[in-house]
Amino acid sequence: MEDIKYYEFKKMDLRVGKILEVEDHSEADKLYLVTVDIGEEKRKFVAGIKPYYSREELIGKLCVVIINLEPKNIRGIESHGMILAALSTDSFGILTLDRPVSPGTKIS
């Protein structure tokens, strides 16, 4: 694994996001279209988390998101950020908070 400089890490804009809506992606079985409140706005993310979470489990969750990634077209839909998650050979979980924090709060 390659080390990165602290200033490179600081370029990432990590925020608290609140999942508001979750829809099936019409072109992919493993993808959701997720509307996330990031404080000053609501954004649509395309997330490959459908095999691990039901829509009902996700709605209302506070999670960690990156909001300054270059938008990416995923199966015909533009994604404007990323929900962070951990994946191992036997489990998967999105990064959530253990206490209520306002959507849009910067993570440092």
Protein backbone atom coordinates (compact mmCIF):
# COMPACT_ATOMS: atom_id res chain seq x y z
CA MET A 1 0.00 0.00 0.00
CA GLU A 2 1.30 3.41 -0.95
CA ASP A 3 1.48 6.17 1.68
CA ILE A 4 -0.17 9.50 0.86
CA LYS A 5 0.67 12.89 2.22
CA TYR A 6 -1.61 14.49 4.79
CA TYR A 7 -2.44 17.34 2.40
CA GLU A 8 -3.68 14.75 -0.12
CA PHE A 9 -6.03 13.28 2.48
CA LYS A 10 -7.27 16.77 3.35
CA LYS A 11 -8.45 17.20 -0.25
CA MET A 12 -11.26 14.73 0.40
CA ASP A 13 -14.45 16.42 1.55
CA LEU A 14 -15.95 13.89 3.95
CA ARG A 15 -19.37 14.77 5.36
CA VAL A 16 -22.21 13.34 7.34
CA GLY A 17 -25.03 12.38 5.01
CA LYS A 18 -28.58 11.39 5.85
CA ILE A 19 -30.19 8.90 3.48
CA LEU A 20 -33.60 10.25 2.47
CA GLU A 21 -34.72 8.08 -0.44
CA VAL A 22 -33.65 4.77 -1.96
CA GLU A 23 -34.78 3.60 -5.39
CA ASP A 24 -33.93 0.59 -7.53
CA HIS A 25 -31.66 1.30 -10.49
CA SER A 26 -33.55 0.34 -13.64
CA GLU A 27 -30.41 -0.92 -15.41
CA ALA A 28 -28.65 -2.88 -12.63
CA ASP A 29 -29.64 -5.51 -10.08
CA LYS A 30 -27.01 -4.56 -7.47
CA LEU A 31 -27.38 -0.77 -7.57
CA TYR A 32 -29.57 1.71 -5.74
CA LEU A 33 -30.20 5.36 -6.52
CA VAL A 34 -29.80 7.02 -3.15
CA THR A 35 -30.84 10.59 -2.29
CA VAL A 36 -28.61 11.92 0.47
CA ASP A 37 -29.03 15.13 2.49
CA ILE A 38 -25.56 16.65 2.85
CA GLY A 39 -26.67 19.81 4.63
CA GLU A 40 -26.66 22.53 2.02
CA GLU A 41 -28.19 20.30 -0.66
CA LYS A 42 -29.55 16.89 -1.53
CA ARG A 43 -27.56 14.72 -3.92
CA LYS A 44 -28.15 11.53 -5.89
CA PHE A 45 -25.57 8.78 -5.48
CA VAL A 46 -25.45 5.47 -7.32
CA ALA A 47 -24.47 2.86 -4.75
CA GLY A 48 -23.68 -0.84 -5.16
CA ILE A 49 -25.17 -1.78 -1.80
CA LYS A 50 -28.40 -3.48 -2.84
CA PRO A 51 -27.15 -7.03 -2.09
CA TYR A 52 -26.47 -5.99 1.52
CA TYR A 53 -29.29 -3.63 2.53
CA SER A 54 -33.00 -3.34 1.99
CA ARG A 55 -34.33 0.09 1.10
CA GLU A 56 -36.07 0.27 4.48
CA GLU A 57 -32.81 -0.39 6.36
CA LEU A 58 -31.12 2.55 4.65
CA ILE A 59 -33.72 5.31 4.92
CA GLY A 60 -32.88 7.68 7.76
CA LYS A 61 -29.34 6.36 8.30
CA LEU A 62 -26.56 8.84 9.00
CA CYS A 63 -23.50 7.79 7.03
CA VAL A 64 -20.10 9.01 5.87
CA VAL A 65 -19.95 10.32 2.29
CA ILE A 66 -17.35 11.89 0.01
CA ILE A 67 -18.88 14.86 -1.78
CA ASN A 68 -16.03 16.23 -3.86
CA LEU A 69 -15.46 13.29 -6.17
CA GLU A 70 -15.73 14.01 -9.86
CA PRO A 71 -19.28 13.00 -10.95
CA LYS A 72 -19.34 9.56 -12.55
CA ASN A 73 -21.85 8.05 -14.93
CA ILE A 74 -22.80 4.61 -13.62
CA ARG A 75 -25.12 2.63 -15.85
CA GLY A 76 -26.59 5.77 -17.38
CA ILE A 77 -27.05 7.76 -14.15
CA GLU A 78 -24.66 10.42 -12.88
CA SER A 79 -23.49 9.83 -9.31
CA HIS A 80 -22.46 12.91 -7.31
CA GLY A 81 -20.50 11.36 -4.45
CA MET A 82 -19.86 8.11 -2.66
CA ILE A 83 -21.17 6.42 0.47
CA LEU A 84 -18.21 4.90 2.31
CA ALA A 85 -18.39 1.26 3.29
CA ALA A 86 -16.26 -1.62 4.56
CA LEU A 87 -16.18 -4.95 2.75
CA SER A 88 -14.52 -8.15 3.85
CA THR A 89 -14.88 -11.71 2.65
CA ASP A 90 -17.77 -12.34 5.04
CA SER A 91 -19.41 -8.99 5.79
CA PHE A 92 -20.31 -5.55 4.47
CA GLY A 93 -21.32 -2.35 6.22
CA ILE A 94 -21.71 1.30 5.39
CA LEU A 95 -19.87 3.69 7.71
CA THR A 96 -22.42 5.14 10.11
CA LEU A 97 -22.27 7.39 13.15
CA ASP A 98 -22.88 6.26 16.70
CA ARG A 99 -24.55 9.55 17.70
CA PRO A 100 -26.87 11.99 15.91
CA VAL A 101 -24.92 14.59 13.95
CA SER A 102 -26.40 17.14 11.55
CA PRO A 103 -26.25 16.28 7.84
CA GLY A 104 -23.47 18.21 6.15
CA THR A 105 -21.19 18.21 9.19
CA LYS A 106 -17.58 18.00 8.02
CA ILE A 107 -15.64 14.90 9.08
CA SER A 108 -12.02 15.40 10.06
